[in-house]
């Protein structure tokens, strides 16, 4: 490590330099104005704060600190890492102040004995060009990494410019007042209830859901073939039951009717010999029907009472619903399947046609997209039970929405903040009231329902009951919902 000491460049609080040239230990580091620290190829362990008013260069190496990071000078890192390690005591707040362009930026809460708390200076931007590694404790108690602004509701900004799947490792976080400046959403896994509000282009999901996909036939999917509007089914076979034949069964309803999983109304479509793992239902994407498929062994397992609906055969049903989008009319829509984290652009694909539009809602404002040989505008990964708004400029256009339904082994909980509008929906292909899916109202709660025909809103307030049937979700629609008096943990109830 090269230490440039001109004009007393490095002021180490309780300075202790290790005998090894590749590392240094200090209780704190301050780089004064006009001073330079070359931290390249070094491991600098700082049990305290790092404050930079001058210049820090880092072509590689690691700076690990248990305190806060302040940069009001020049920080240049081409492949190095800055890591905020666990402070003492564990729950002590660590501050990140000033604007910094990191290469790798790590906040690792693994094995932390309590929640980690990191506060970012309001209105500043932290850019991460390499790996963004923000994690709570993935061991033991699973404590959270809590990320906050120094001055709520003023937001702090993060810009992870590397969008590869391996460059972002974000999990077990709780975030508030944050703007992701990159167009690609930050996916925070194992973070159910981690959205503390006022966040943009963050997506908080729970642990991977168990659909009970342990049958003889597994991993069933349905997609729409954009080239010819076929519905394509694919599946795999349980390795414990190799060589089985399968049959494809279908249930159809009108687009206004609900799916009823308990009613054995499926009919046979096709048989396939062992080794066939795909089926195309030709030109069924826009046939005016809801379609629900089961791929099951043929013959069925000999267990008494087994039917094509038994999870022993297949734990997943896949399906397609259609949403009408009349010319030049806004439609409040949703994905009526048990799908979490779906890409809005990928869901809509080319279906809206040229000049088609979408809007997604972040809790305080709309984010638009427009189609012209591809989608332009902000992306969003839709939370389960979250709606969106679309408008087509082509007469007779429909959306074909595909997905799957099963049985979650653990509850899915969405945290609804007090006095915040949410665009909510029923993530299941069944018409239901909001109470049936777990949205239990409180006095003075509000619902705003959209009328497609008149392009107008109806506002209702809960006073012991809802007026009319405004609290009724038809298939594939969404409504604005606000709780003015309290926050609410929405545990979504599925049939």
Protein backbone atom coordinates (compact mmCIF):
# COMPACT_ATOMS: atom_id res chain seq x y z
CA UNK A 1 0.00 0.00 0.00
CA UNK A 2 1.34 3.43 -0.92
CA UNK A 3 0.79 6.13 1.71
CA UNK A 4 1.23 9.68 0.39
CA UNK A 5 1.85 11.80 3.49
CA UNK A 6 2.26 15.24 1.90
CA UNK A 7 0.58 17.88 4.08
CA UNK A 8 -0.43 15.21 6.57
CA UNK A 9 -2.66 13.46 4.08
CA UNK A 10 -3.75 10.52 6.21
CA UNK A 11 -5.10 11.31 9.67
CA UNK A 12 -5.69 7.96 11.38
CA UNK A 13 -7.68 8.07 14.58
CA UNK A 14 -5.75 5.83 17.02
CA UNK A 15 -3.57 4.81 14.07
CA UNK A 16 -2.08 1.34 13.99
CA UNK A 17 -0.30 0.16 10.83
CA UNK A 18 0.22 -3.56 10.36
CA UNK A 19 3.71 -4.84 9.62
CA UNK A 20 2.45 -6.46 6.42
CA UNK A 21 2.50 -4.04 3.47
CA UNK A 22 -0.73 -5.38 1.94
CA UNK A 23 -2.98 -4.46 4.87
CA UNK A 24 -3.57 -1.79 7.45
CA UNK A 25 -5.70 -1.57 10.55
CA UNK A 26 -7.02 1.66 11.96
CA UNK A 27 -9.77 2.92 14.22
CA UNK A 28 -10.73 5.42 11.53
CA UNK A 29 -9.41 6.95 8.33
CA UNK A 30 -9.72 10.56 7.24
CA UNK A 31 -8.32 11.69 3.89
CA UNK A 32 -8.09 15.46 4.02
CA UNK A 33 -8.68 17.92 1.20
CA UNK A 34 -5.80 17.82 -1.27
CA UNK A 35 -4.58 14.49 0.09
CA UNK A 36 -4.42 11.11 -1.63
CA UNK A 37 -4.68 7.53 -0.44
CA UNK A 38 -3.75 4.74 -2.86
CA UNK A 39 -5.70 1.76 -1.51
CA UNK A 40 -4.89 -0.51 -4.46
CA UNK A 41 -4.06 -4.20 -3.89
CA UNK A 42 -4.56 -3.71 -0.16
CA UNK A 43 -6.82 -5.10 2.50
CA UNK A 44 -7.63 -2.20 4.79
CA UNK A 45 -9.54 -3.16 7.92
CA UNK A 46 -11.05 -0.12 9.61
CA UNK A 47 -12.84 -0.60 12.96
CA UNK A 48 -14.44 2.82 12.54
CA UNK A 49 -15.33 5.42 9.91
CA UNK A 50 -13.82 6.31 6.55
CA UNK A 51 -14.11 9.99 5.60
CA UNK A 52 -12.75 11.26 2.30
CA UNK A 53 -12.38 14.96 1.45
CA UNK A 54 -9.45 14.32 -0.89
CA UNK A 55 -8.76 11.41 -3.26
CA UNK A 56 -8.88 7.63 -2.72
CA UNK A 57 -7.83 5.36 -5.59
CA UNK A 58 -8.52 1.64 -5.61
CA UNK A 59 -7.55 -0.39 -8.67
CA UNK A 60 -8.29 -3.53 -6.64
CA UNK A 61 -8.23 -4.49 -2.99
CA UNK A 62 -10.78 -4.28 -0.18
CA UNK A 63 -11.71 -1.60 2.31
CA UNK A 64 -13.65 -3.11 5.22
CA UNK A 65 -15.15 -0.78 7.81
CA UNK A 66 -17.38 -1.23 10.82
CA UNK A 67 -18.38 2.44 10.86
CA UNK A 68 -19.75 4.88 8.31
CA UNK A 69 -18.59 5.87 4.81
CA UNK A 70 -18.40 9.56 3.83
CA UNK A 71 -17.18 10.71 0.43
CA UNK A 72 -17.04 14.41 -0.36
CA UNK A 73 -13.93 14.07 -2.50
CA UNK A 74 -12.83 11.79 -5.33
CA UNK A 75 -13.16 8.03 -5.03
CA UNK A 76 -11.91 6.06 -8.03
CA UNK A 77 -12.30 2.28 -7.99
CA UNK A 78 -11.79 0.17 -11.11
CA UNK A 79 -12.17 -3.28 -9.54
CA UNK A 80 -11.99 -2.90 -5.77
CA UNK A 81 -14.50 -3.50 -3.00
CA UNK A 82 -15.88 -1.41 -0.18
CA UNK A 83 -17.58 -3.48 2.52
CA UNK A 84 -19.58 -2.27 5.50
CA UNK A 85 -19.02 -5.07 8.00
CA UNK A 86 -21.02 -5.71 11.16
CA UNK A 87 -20.62 -2.83 13.67
CA UNK A 88 -20.34 -3.13 17.42
CA UNK A 89 -22.94 -3.14 18.81
CA UNK A 90 -24.62 -4.97 15.93
CA UNK A 91 -27.67 -2.69 15.76
CA UNK A 92 -25.64 0.54 15.63
CA UNK A 93 -26.47 2.65 12.58
CA UNK A 94 -23.87 2.96 9.84
CA UNK A 95 -24.13 6.05 7.64
CA UNK A 96 -23.30 6.40 3.94
CA UNK A 97 -22.88 10.06 3.05
CA UNK A 98 -22.00 11.89 -0.14
CA UNK A 99 -22.07 10.55 -3.70
CA UNK A 100 -19.83 7.58 -4.46
CA UNK A 101 -19.18 5.48 -7.55
CA UNK A 102 -18.20 2.09 -6.14
CA UNK A 103 -17.00 -0.88 -8.12
CA UNK A 104 -18.18 -3.57 -5.66
CA UNK A 105 -20.31 -2.40 -2.74
CA UNK A 106 -20.98 -4.96 -0.01
CA UNK A 107 -23.19 -4.77 3.09
CA UNK A 108 -23.23 -8.28 4.49
CA UNK A 109 -25.39 -9.12 7.49
CA UNK A 110 -24.67 -12.85 7.58
CA UNK A 111 -24.39 -14.20 11.13
CA UNK A 112 -25.44 -10.80 12.55
CA UNK A 113 -27.00 -11.21 15.98
CA UNK A 114 -29.57 -8.46 15.31
CA UNK A 115 -30.94 -6.38 12.44
CA UNK A 116 -28.30 -4.29 10.62
CA UNK A 117 -29.13 -0.59 10.14
CA UNK A 118 -27.59 1.46 7.33
CA UNK A 119 -28.69 5.04 6.66
CA UNK A 120 -28.03 6.78 3.34
CA UNK A 121 -27.79 10.56 3.06
CA UNK A 122 -30.98 11.89 1.49
CA UNK A 123 -30.72 13.00 -2.16
CA UNK A 124 -27.31 11.37 -2.67
CA UNK A 125 -26.55 8.64 -5.23
CA UNK A 126 -24.48 5.51 -4.73
CA UNK A 127 -23.45 4.01 -8.09
CA UNK A 128 -22.32 0.37 -8.21
CA UNK A 129 -20.51 -0.68 -11.37
CA UNK A 130 -19.59 -4.21 -10.31
CA UNK A 131 -21.43 -6.26 -7.71
CA UNK A 132 -24.13 -4.94 -5.41
CA UNK A 133 -24.20 -7.30 -2.40
CA UNK A 134 -26.81 -6.24 0.19
CA UNK A 135 -27.81 -9.08 2.47
CA UNK A 136 -29.38 -9.66 5.84
CA UNK A 137 -28.60 -12.77 7.85
CA UNK A 138 -29.13 -15.93 5.79
CA UNK A 139 -28.15 -18.06 8.78
CA UNK A 140 -29.48 -18.38 12.31
CA UNK A 141 -32.23 -15.88 13.11
CA UNK A 142 -32.47 -14.40 9.62
CA UNK A 143 -32.17 -10.80 10.83
CA UNK A 144 -32.83 -8.04 8.31
CA UNK A 145 -30.64 -5.43 6.67
CA UNK A 146 -32.59 -2.19 7.18
CA UNK A 147 -31.86 0.59 4.66
CA UNK A 148 -33.14 4.10 5.34
CA UNK A 149 -32.82 7.76 4.31
CA UNK A 150 -31.34 10.32 6.69
CA UNK A 151 -34.41 12.50 6.13
CA UNK A 152 -37.65 10.70 5.31
CA UNK A 153 -39.49 11.08 2.94
CA UNK A 154 -36.59 12.53 0.91
CA UNK A 155 -35.26 9.62 -1.10
CA UNK A 156 -31.76 8.23 -1.44
CA UNK A 157 -30.61 6.84 -4.80
CA UNK A 158 -28.87 3.62 -5.79
CA UNK A 159 -27.70 2.90 -9.34
CA UNK A 160 -26.46 -0.68 -9.91
CA UNK A 161 -25.33 -0.30 -13.53
CA UNK A 162 -24.34 -3.96 -14.03
CA UNK A 163 -27.61 -5.77 -14.69
CA UNK A 164 -26.32 -9.34 -15.06
CA UNK A 165 -28.00 -11.90 -12.81
CA UNK A 166 -24.78 -12.49 -10.87
CA UNK A 167 -24.05 -8.80 -10.20
CA UNK A 168 -26.94 -8.21 -7.78
CA UNK A 169 -27.22 -10.24 -4.61
CA UNK A 170 -29.94 -8.56 -2.56
CA UNK A 171 -31.86 -10.48 0.11
CA UNK A 172 -33.47 -10.19 3.54
CA UNK A 173 -33.72 -6.40 3.34
CA UNK A 174 -36.20 -3.80 4.55
CA UNK A 175 -36.02 -0.62 2.47
CA UNK A 176 -37.62 2.82 2.62
CA UNK A 177 -37.34 6.02 0.55
CA UNK A 178 -35.09 4.52 -2.13
CA UNK A 179 -34.94 5.16 -5.86
CA UNK A 180 -33.23 2.62 -8.09
CA UNK A 181 -31.91 4.86 -10.89
CA UNK A 182 -31.32 1.89 -13.18
CA UNK A 183 -34.14 0.83 -15.50
CA UNK A 184 -33.80 -2.80 -14.37
CA UNK A 185 -35.69 -3.51 -11.15
CA UNK A 186 -33.72 -4.59 -8.06
CA UNK A 187 -35.15 -7.93 -6.96
CA UNK A 188 -34.87 -8.43 -3.21
CA UNK A 189 -35.41 -12.07 -2.33
CA UNK A 190 -36.50 -13.48 1.03
CA UNK A 191 -37.86 -10.00 1.76
CA UNK A 192 -41.59 -10.43 2.36
CA UNK A 193 -42.80 -7.21 4.00
CA UNK A 194 -39.50 -5.54 3.09
CA UNK A 195 -41.15 -2.66 1.24
CA UNK A 196 -41.36 0.05 3.92
CA UNK A 197 -42.64 2.53 1.35
CA UNK A 198 -41.64 5.27 -1.08
CA UNK A 199 -39.41 2.96 -3.13
CA UNK A 200 -39.07 3.00 -6.91
CA UNK A 201 -37.92 0.08 -9.07
CA UNK A 202 -37.42 -2.26 -6.14
CA UNK A 203 -39.24 -5.58 -5.96
CA UNK A 204 -39.60 -7.43 -2.67
CA UNK A 205 -40.43 -11.10 -2.81
CA UNK A 206 -40.71 -13.82 -0.23
CA UNK A 207 -38.93 -17.10 -0.06
CA UNK A 208 -39.37 -19.36 -3.08
CA UNK A 209 -42.88 -20.75 -2.92
CA UNK A 210 -43.63 -24.42 -2.70
CA UNK A 211 -46.48 -25.17 -5.06
CA UNK A 212 -46.65 -28.74 -3.85
CA UNK A 213 -45.04 -29.68 -7.14
CA UNK A 214 -44.16 -33.23 -6.07
CA UNK A 215 -46.40 -35.25 -8.39
CA UNK A 216 -45.48 -37.74 -11.07
CA UNK A 217 -45.67 -34.85 -13.58
CA UNK A 218 -43.87 -31.64 -12.59
CA UNK A 219 -42.80 -28.14 -13.69
CA UNK A 220 -45.83 -27.61 -15.92
CA UNK A 221 -45.76 -24.28 -17.76
CA UNK A 222 -47.94 -22.59 -20.37
CA UNK A 223 -46.79 -19.79 -22.66
CA UNK A 224 -48.23 -18.00 -25.67
CA UNK A 225 -46.48 -18.38 -29.02
CA UNK A 226 -46.50 -14.86 -30.44
CA UNK A 227 -45.94 -16.09 -34.00
CA UNK A 228 -49.18 -18.04 -34.32
CA UNK A 229 -51.06 -17.58 -31.01
CA UNK A 230 -50.76 -21.20 -29.98
CA UNK A 231 -50.66 -22.03 -26.30
CA UNK A 232 -47.58 -24.13 -25.56
CA UNK A 233 -47.54 -26.52 -22.62
CA UNK A 234 -44.31 -28.03 -21.32
CA UNK A 235 -43.60 -30.35 -18.39
CA UNK A 236 -41.10 -32.75 -16.85
CA UNK A 237 -41.42 -36.21 -15.30
CA UNK A 238 -40.55 -37.18 -11.73
CA UNK A 239 -37.29 -39.20 -11.92
CA UNK A 240 -38.88 -41.75 -9.58
CA UNK A 241 -41.50 -42.53 -12.27
CA UNK A 242 -39.60 -42.69 -15.56
CA UNK A 243 -41.24 -43.88 -18.73
CA UNK A 244 -44.81 -42.88 -17.88
CA UNK A 245 -47.28 -41.79 -20.55
CA UNK A 246 -49.32 -38.63 -19.98
CA UNK A 247 -52.61 -37.08 -20.97
CA UNK A 248 -53.49 -33.40 -21.27
CA UNK A 249 -56.84 -32.37 -19.79
CA UNK A 250 -58.57 -29.01 -20.15
CA UNK A 251 -61.36 -27.05 -18.46
CA UNK A 252 -62.82 -24.04 -20.29
CA UNK A 253 -65.04 -21.23 -19.04
CA UNK A 254 -66.22 -17.96 -20.49
CA UNK A 255 -63.98 -14.99 -19.74
CA UNK A 256 -66.54 -13.79 -17.18
CA UNK A 257 -66.74 -17.11 -15.32
CA UNK A 258 -64.54 -18.29 -12.49
CA UNK A 259 -62.21 -21.25 -12.37
CA UNK A 260 -63.41 -23.85 -9.88
CA UNK A 261 -60.58 -26.16 -8.87
CA UNK A 262 -62.86 -28.42 -6.85
CA UNK A 263 -65.19 -29.23 -9.75
CA UNK A 264 -63.93 -32.17 -11.89
CA UNK A 265 -65.10 -30.68 -15.17
CA UNK A 266 -61.93 -31.35 -17.18
CA UNK A 267 -62.12 -33.06 -20.54
CA UNK A 268 -59.46 -35.02 -22.41
CA UNK A 269 -57.35 -33.27 -25.08
CA UNK A 270 -54.48 -35.57 -26.04
CA UNK A 271 -52.36 -38.55 -25.01
CA UNK A 272 -48.58 -38.67 -25.27
CA UNK A 273 -46.13 -41.50 -25.00
CA UNK A 274 -43.15 -41.45 -22.69
CA UNK A 275 -40.55 -38.89 -23.74
CA UNK A 276 -42.93 -36.25 -25.11
CA UNK A 277 -42.71 -33.12 -22.96
CA UNK A 278 -44.55 -30.48 -25.05
CA UNK A 279 -48.04 -29.88 -26.45
CA UNK A 280 -49.38 -27.05 -28.60
CA UNK A 281 -53.04 -26.10 -28.30
CA UNK A 282 -53.41 -24.44 -31.68
CA UNK A 283 -54.76 -20.89 -31.98
CA UNK A 284 -56.22 -20.85 -28.48
CA UNK A 285 -54.59 -17.68 -27.13
CA UNK A 286 -57.52 -15.50 -28.24
CA UNK A 287 -60.44 -17.92 -28.51
CA UNK A 288 -62.66 -15.95 -26.10
CA UNK A 289 -62.35 -18.53 -23.32
CA UNK A 290 -60.47 -19.06 -20.11
CA UNK A 291 -58.51 -22.31 -20.46
CA UNK A 292 -57.05 -24.37 -17.60
CA UNK A 293 -54.83 -27.38 -18.17
CA UNK A 294 -53.70 -30.40 -16.20
CA UNK A 295 -50.97 -32.73 -17.44
CA UNK A 296 -51.34 -36.06 -15.65
CA UNK A 297 -50.04 -39.65 -15.82
CA UNK A 298 -51.89 -42.02 -18.12
CA UNK A 299 -53.01 -44.25 -16.53
CA UNK A 300 -53.41 -42.43 -13.24
CA UNK A 301 -51.64 -43.76 -10.14
CA UNK A 302 -53.51 -46.66 -8.58
CA UNK A 303 -53.82 -45.00 -5.16
CA UNK A 304 -57.49 -45.18 -4.09
CA UNK A 305 -59.36 -41.94 -4.69
CA UNK A 306 -56.87 -40.54 -7.19
CA UNK A 307 -58.33 -38.24 -9.86
CA UNK A 308 -56.77 -35.93 -12.45
CA UNK A 309 -56.98 -33.20 -9.78
CA UNK A 310 -54.87 -35.10 -7.24
CA UNK A 311 -51.53 -33.55 -6.33
CA UNK A 312 -50.02 -37.03 -6.62
CA UNK A 313 -50.54 -36.64 -10.37
CA UNK A 314 -49.47 -33.00 -10.67
CA UNK A 315 -49.33 -30.15 -8.11
CA UNK A 316 -49.82 -27.40 -10.68
CA UNK A 317 -52.63 -26.24 -12.95
CA UNK A 318 -51.69 -23.84 -15.74
CA UNK A 319 -54.02 -21.55 -17.59
CA UNK A 320 -54.83 -18.63 -19.83
CA UNK A 321 -57.31 -15.80 -19.34
CA UNK A 322 -58.20 -12.98 -21.71
CA UNK A 323 -58.60 -9.28 -20.99
CA UNK A 324 -60.51 -7.09 -23.44
CA UNK A 325 -58.81 -3.75 -24.20
CA UNK A 326 -61.27 -1.60 -26.17
CA UNK A 327 -59.77 0.94 -28.52
CA UNK A 328 -58.43 4.03 -26.75
CA UNK A 329 -59.82 3.08 -23.33
CA UNK A 330 -57.85 2.62 -20.13
CA UNK A 331 -58.34 -0.79 -18.49
CA UNK A 332 -57.38 -1.69 -14.91
CA UNK A 333 -55.96 -5.19 -15.22
CA UNK A 334 -53.91 -7.80 -13.36
CA UNK A 335 -52.36 -11.25 -13.63
CA UNK A 336 -55.07 -13.54 -12.18
CA UNK A 337 -52.61 -16.31 -11.31
CA UNK A 338 -50.31 -17.14 -8.43
CA UNK A 339 -47.42 -15.36 -10.08
CA UNK A 340 -44.97 -13.21 -8.15
CA UNK A 341 -42.36 -10.98 -9.77
CA UNK A 342 -43.63 -11.17 -13.35
CA UNK A 343 -42.08 -8.67 -15.75
CA UNK A 344 -44.74 -6.24 -16.94
CA UNK A 345 -43.07 -5.79 -20.32
CA UNK A 346 -42.69 -9.53 -20.83
CA UNK A 347 -46.30 -10.13 -19.78
CA UNK A 348 -47.66 -7.64 -22.29
CA UNK A 349 -45.04 -8.40 -24.97
CA UNK A 350 -46.28 -7.21 -28.37
CA UNK A 351 -49.97 -7.75 -27.56
CA UNK A 352 -50.96 -4.08 -27.22
CA UNK A 353 -49.85 -3.19 -30.75
CA UNK A 354 -48.20 0.04 -31.88
CA UNK A 355 -48.85 3.00 -29.57
CA UNK A 356 -50.13 0.65 -26.86
CA UNK A 357 -49.59 1.95 -23.34
CA UNK A 358 -49.17 0.67 -19.84
CA UNK A 359 -49.04 2.40 -16.46
CA UNK A 360 -47.79 0.95 -13.19
CA UNK A 361 -48.24 2.57 -9.81
CA UNK A 362 -45.47 2.90 -7.20
CA UNK A 363 -47.69 4.09 -4.34
CA UNK A 364 -47.40 7.79 -5.13
CA UNK A 365 -47.32 8.13 -8.92
CA UNK A 366 -47.64 6.45 -12.30
CA UNK A 367 -44.83 5.11 -14.47
CA UNK A 368 -45.68 4.85 -18.17
CA UNK A 369 -44.54 2.68 -21.04
CA UNK A 370 -45.33 2.88 -24.76
CA UNK A 371 -45.02 0.20 -27.43
CA UNK A 372 -43.41 0.81 -30.82
CA UNK A 373 -41.69 -2.36 -32.05
CA UNK A 374 -40.76 -2.84 -28.38
CA UNK A 375 -41.55 -1.31 -25.03
CA UNK A 376 -40.04 1.99 -23.95
CA UNK A 377 -40.36 3.31 -20.42
CA UNK A 378 -39.84 2.10 -16.89
CA UNK A 379 -40.06 -1.61 -16.20
CA UNK A 380 -41.75 -3.13 -13.18
CA UNK A 381 -41.83 -6.60 -11.72
CA UNK A 382 -45.37 -7.07 -10.48
CA UNK A 383 -45.91 -8.17 -6.91
CA UNK A 384 -48.50 -10.86 -6.46
CA UNK A 385 -51.87 -9.15 -6.02
CA UNK A 386 -50.66 -5.97 -7.79
CA UNK A 387 -52.55 -4.48 -10.72
CA UNK A 388 -51.55 -2.43 -13.74
CA UNK A 389 -53.26 -0.18 -16.30
CA UNK A 390 -53.22 -0.60 -20.09
CA UNK A 391 -54.63 1.16 -23.13
CA UNK A 392 -54.65 -0.06 -26.72
CA UNK A 393 -55.09 2.11 -29.81
CA UNK A 394 -56.24 -0.84 -31.95
CA UNK A 395 -59.86 -1.88 -32.01
CA UNK A 396 -60.71 -5.37 -30.75
CA UNK A 397 -57.37 -5.99 -29.04
CA UNK A 398 -57.18 -8.53 -26.21
CA UNK A 399 -54.51 -9.56 -23.75
CA UNK A 400 -53.84 -13.25 -23.23
CA UNK A 401 -52.41 -13.69 -19.73
CA UNK A 402 -50.88 -17.05 -18.80
CA UNK A 403 -49.83 -18.40 -15.41
CA UNK A 404 -50.13 -21.18 -12.88
CA UNK A 405 -52.04 -22.01 -9.73
CA UNK A 406 -51.21 -24.40 -6.95
CA UNK A 407 -50.97 -24.43 -3.17
CA UNK A 408 -48.42 -22.36 -1.27
CA UNK A 409 -47.05 -24.09 1.80
CA UNK A 410 -46.32 -20.75 3.49
CA UNK A 411 -48.48 -17.59 3.57
CA UNK A 412 -47.75 -14.73 1.21
CA UNK A 413 -47.86 -11.39 3.04
CA UNK A 414 -47.84 -7.92 1.51
CA UNK A 415 -47.27 -4.94 3.77
CA UNK A 416 -49.72 -2.11 3.00
CA UNK A 417 -48.59 1.17 4.52
CA UNK A 418 -50.92 3.62 6.23
CA UNK A 419 -52.54 6.31 4.08
CA UNK A 420 -51.03 4.99 0.83
CA UNK A 421 -52.95 4.03 -2.30
CA UNK A 422 -52.23 0.56 -3.69
CA UNK A 423 -53.46 -0.89 -6.96
CA UNK A 424 -54.63 -4.26 -5.65
CA UNK A 425 -56.13 -7.30 -7.34
CA UNK A 426 -57.13 -10.92 -6.84
CA UNK A 427 -54.20 -13.14 -7.94
CA UNK A 428 -56.44 -16.07 -8.79
CA UNK A 429 -58.78 -16.72 -11.75
CA UNK A 430 -61.89 -16.46 -9.63
CA UNK A 431 -64.33 -13.61 -8.98
CA UNK A 432 -64.23 -12.76 -5.28
CA UNK A 433 -64.83 -9.98 -2.77
CA UNK A 434 -61.76 -8.35 -1.28
CA UNK A 435 -62.60 -9.80 2.14
CA UNK A 436 -62.46 -13.38 0.82
CA UNK A 437 -58.87 -12.87 -0.36
CA UNK A 438 -57.80 -11.43 2.99
CA UNK A 439 -58.23 -7.67 2.48
CA UNK A 440 -60.21 -7.03 5.64
CA UNK A 441 -61.39 -3.39 5.68
CA UNK A 442 -61.29 -0.90 8.54
CA UNK A 443 -63.44 2.18 9.11
CA UNK A 444 -62.75 4.98 6.60
CA UNK A 445 -60.89 2.70 4.17
CA UNK A 446 -61.30 3.73 0.54
CA UNK A 447 -61.79 1.85 -2.70
CA UNK A 448 -61.63 3.39 -6.16
CA UNK A 449 -63.14 1.30 -8.93
CA UNK A 450 -62.65 2.04 -12.62
CA UNK A 451 -65.46 1.91 -15.16
CA UNK A 452 -64.05 1.03 -18.57
CA UNK A 453 -67.11 2.06 -20.53
CA UNK A 454 -67.42 5.58 -19.12
CA UNK A 455 -63.71 5.94 -18.34
CA UNK A 456 -64.59 7.20 -14.88
CA UNK A 457 -63.85 6.32 -11.26
CA UNK A 458 -66.21 5.46 -8.43
CA UNK A 459 -64.97 6.21 -4.91
CA UNK A 460 -66.37 4.40 -1.90
CA UNK A 461 -65.63 4.66 1.84
CA UNK A 462 -66.04 1.79 4.28
CA UNK A 463 -68.41 2.53 7.16
CA UNK A 464 -69.33 -0.89 8.50
CA UNK A 465 -69.91 -2.12 4.95
CA UNK A 466 -69.13 -1.24 1.34
CA UNK A 467 -71.84 0.32 -0.83
CA UNK A 468 -73.13 -1.93 -3.56
CA UNK A 469 -70.63 -4.51 -4.77
CA UNK A 470 -67.70 -2.16 -5.21
CA UNK A 471 -65.53 -4.55 -3.17
CA UNK A 472 -66.06 -7.32 -5.74
CA UNK A 473 -63.12 -8.32 -7.93
CA UNK A 474 -64.05 -9.63 -11.34
CA UNK A 475 -61.45 -11.80 -13.06
CA UNK A 476 -58.42 -9.83 -14.22
CA UNK A 477 -59.37 -6.44 -12.79
CA UNK A 478 -57.76 -4.24 -10.13
CA UNK A 479 -58.78 -1.35 -7.86
CA UNK A 480 -57.11 1.36 -5.82
CA UNK A 481 -57.24 0.72 -2.07
CA UNK A 482 -56.18 2.99 0.80
CA UNK A 483 -56.13 2.52 4.59
CA UNK A 484 -55.97 6.02 6.15
CA UNK A 485 -55.85 4.94 9.81
CA UNK A 486 -53.35 2.10 10.00
CA UNK A 487 -50.91 -0.08 8.12
CA UNK A 488 -52.04 -3.59 7.23
CA UNK A 489 -50.23 -6.87 6.64
CA UNK A 490 -52.25 -8.45 3.85
CA UNK A 491 -51.99 -12.23 4.09
CA UNK A 492 -53.34 -13.27 0.72
CA UNK A 493 -55.92 -16.05 0.95
CA UNK A 494 -56.17 -18.48 -1.96
CA UNK A 495 -58.97 -21.02 -2.47
